[in-house]
Amino acid sequence: FCRRNQDITDANAFFYLFFMSNSGYLIILNSNHDDHLTEAAKLLQNYDASMMINASTWLIHTKYSSKVIRQHLAHVMSVMDALFIFKLTEDYAISNALDVLNWLEDHSDTATTH
């Protein structure tokens, strides 16, 4: 399984870490300010595990609640930014699990654990 401070290279381990562990979150920050997104990305890299999906979307693994995550990100946001934090659970729907695992394998180079 994934150890601290190592890249997540196994798609199955990544899938378990974010979707089955009940400690994964999907974070979406809607901001017109690139510096807000950059600062948010830096903060989110400090969680147990993180993966940047695109410039405004991340998956993270942490023991903290969504309210604590929101507080961590509050100082890099303006009143015009919108933040969405969704906890990932075992209750999910996927149209084709093979496609998801392929996508995870293709993007595992951006996922790290700390």
Protein backbone atom coordinates (compact mmCIF):
# COMPACT_ATOMS: atom_id res chain seq x y z
CA PHE A 1 0.00 0.00 0.00
CA CYS A 2 1.04 3.64 -0.21
CA ARG A 3 3.53 4.85 2.34
CA ARG A 4 4.00 8.38 3.57
CA ASN A 5 5.97 10.76 1.29
CA GLN A 6 5.85 8.44 -1.72
CA ASP A 7 4.10 8.71 -5.06
CA ILE A 8 0.94 6.69 -5.53
CA THR A 9 1.74 4.54 -8.56
CA ASP A 10 -0.77 1.71 -8.12
CA ALA A 11 -4.22 2.67 -9.42
CA ASN A 12 -5.92 0.15 -7.13
CA ALA A 13 -4.20 1.63 -4.08
CA PHE A 14 -5.17 5.11 -5.22
CA PHE A 15 -8.78 4.01 -5.74
CA TYR A 16 -8.94 2.51 -2.25
CA LEU A 17 -7.22 5.48 -0.62
CA PHE A 18 -9.63 8.08 -1.98
CA PHE A 19 -12.91 6.20 -2.42
CA MET A 20 -13.03 3.29 0.00
CA SER A 21 -11.19 4.61 3.06
CA ASN A 22 -14.00 7.05 4.00
CA SER A 23 -11.36 9.76 4.39
CA GLY A 24 -11.27 11.12 0.87
CA TYR A 25 -12.59 14.47 -0.30
CA LEU A 26 -13.24 16.13 -3.62
CA ILE A 27 -12.31 19.83 -3.45
CA ILE A 28 -13.46 22.37 -6.05
CA LEU A 29 -12.40 26.02 -5.79
CA ASN A 30 -14.09 28.40 -8.21
CA SER A 31 -11.94 31.51 -8.44
CA ASN A 32 -11.02 34.05 -11.12
CA HIS A 33 -7.68 34.61 -9.37
CA ASP A 34 -4.88 32.27 -10.42
CA ASP A 35 -2.91 33.10 -7.27
CA HIS A 36 -5.81 31.80 -5.11
CA LEU A 37 -5.74 28.50 -6.99
CA THR A 38 -1.95 28.29 -6.71
CA GLU A 39 -2.03 28.91 -2.96
CA ALA A 40 -4.85 26.42 -2.47
CA ALA A 41 -2.85 23.80 -4.39
CA LYS A 42 0.14 24.38 -2.10
CA LEU A 43 -2.01 23.95 1.01
CA LEU A 44 -3.73 20.83 -0.28
CA GLN A 45 -0.38 19.16 -1.03
CA ASN A 46 0.23 19.11 2.73
CA TYR A 47 -2.58 16.65 3.43
CA ASP A 48 -1.95 12.92 3.88
CA ALA A 49 -2.42 12.35 0.15
CA SER A 50 -3.47 14.66 -2.65
CA MET A 51 -4.05 14.64 -6.37
CA MET A 52 -4.64 17.68 -8.53
CA ILE A 53 -7.29 16.89 -11.15
CA ASN A 54 -7.08 20.30 -12.84
CA ALA A 55 -6.22 23.86 -11.77
CA SER A 56 -9.31 24.12 -9.54
CA THR A 57 -10.08 20.51 -8.54
CA TRP A 58 -8.31 18.13 -6.16
CA LEU A 59 -8.75 14.82 -4.40
CA ILE A 60 -7.31 14.67 -0.90
CA HIS A 61 -7.10 12.07 1.84
CA THR A 62 -7.21 13.35 5.41
CA LYS A 63 -8.57 12.65 8.87
CA TYR A 64 -9.94 16.21 9.05
CA SER A 65 -13.58 17.15 8.49
CA SER A 66 -14.82 19.28 5.60
CA LYS A 67 -15.26 22.22 8.00
CA VAL A 68 -11.59 22.05 9.03
CA ILE A 69 -10.50 21.80 5.39
CA ARG A 70 -12.63 24.88 4.62
CA GLN A 71 -10.91 26.78 7.44
CA HIS A 72 -7.48 25.77 6.12
CA LEU A 73 -8.37 27.24 2.71
CA ALA A 74 -10.24 30.33 3.93
CA HIS A 75 -7.22 32.65 4.06
CA VAL A 76 -6.34 32.08 0.37
CA MET A 77 -9.86 32.89 -0.82
CA SER A 78 -11.74 36.11 -1.46
CA VAL A 79 -15.45 36.76 -0.88
CA MET A 80 -15.99 36.24 -4.62
CA ASP A 81 -14.53 32.69 -4.60
CA ALA A 82 -16.69 29.61 -4.14
CA LEU A 83 -15.47 26.45 -2.41
CA PHE A 84 -17.11 23.03 -2.61
CA ILE A 85 -15.92 20.14 -0.45
CA PHE A 86 -17.47 16.72 -0.92
CA LYS A 87 -16.63 13.68 1.20
CA LEU A 88 -16.13 10.52 -0.85
CA THR A 89 -17.76 7.39 0.50
CA GLU A 90 -18.23 3.79 -0.47
CA ASP A 91 -21.53 4.88 -2.05
CA TYR A 92 -20.48 5.99 -5.53
CA ALA A 93 -21.43 5.31 -9.13
CA ILE A 94 -19.03 4.67 -12.00
CA SER A 95 -20.06 3.97 -15.56
CA ASN A 96 -17.01 1.85 -16.38
CA ALA A 97 -14.60 0.90 -13.59
CA LEU A 98 -11.91 -0.04 -16.11
CA ASP A 99 -11.95 3.48 -17.54
CA VAL A 100 -11.62 4.90 -14.02
CA LEU A 101 -8.64 2.68 -13.22
CA ASN A 102 -7.04 3.60 -16.54
CA TRP A 103 -7.58 7.29 -15.77
CA LEU A 104 -6.10 6.83 -12.30
CA GLU A 105 -3.07 5.07 -13.77
CA ASP A 106 -2.62 7.87 -16.30
CA HIS A 107 -2.79 10.52 -13.57
CA SER A 108 -1.03 8.74 -10.72
CA ASP A 109 2.13 10.75 -11.37
CA THR A 110 0.34 13.81 -9.90
CA ALA A 111 -0.75 11.98 -6.75
CA THR A 112 1.44 11.99 -3.68
CA THR A 113 1.22 10.94 -0.06
CA HIS A 114 2.76 12.86 2.79
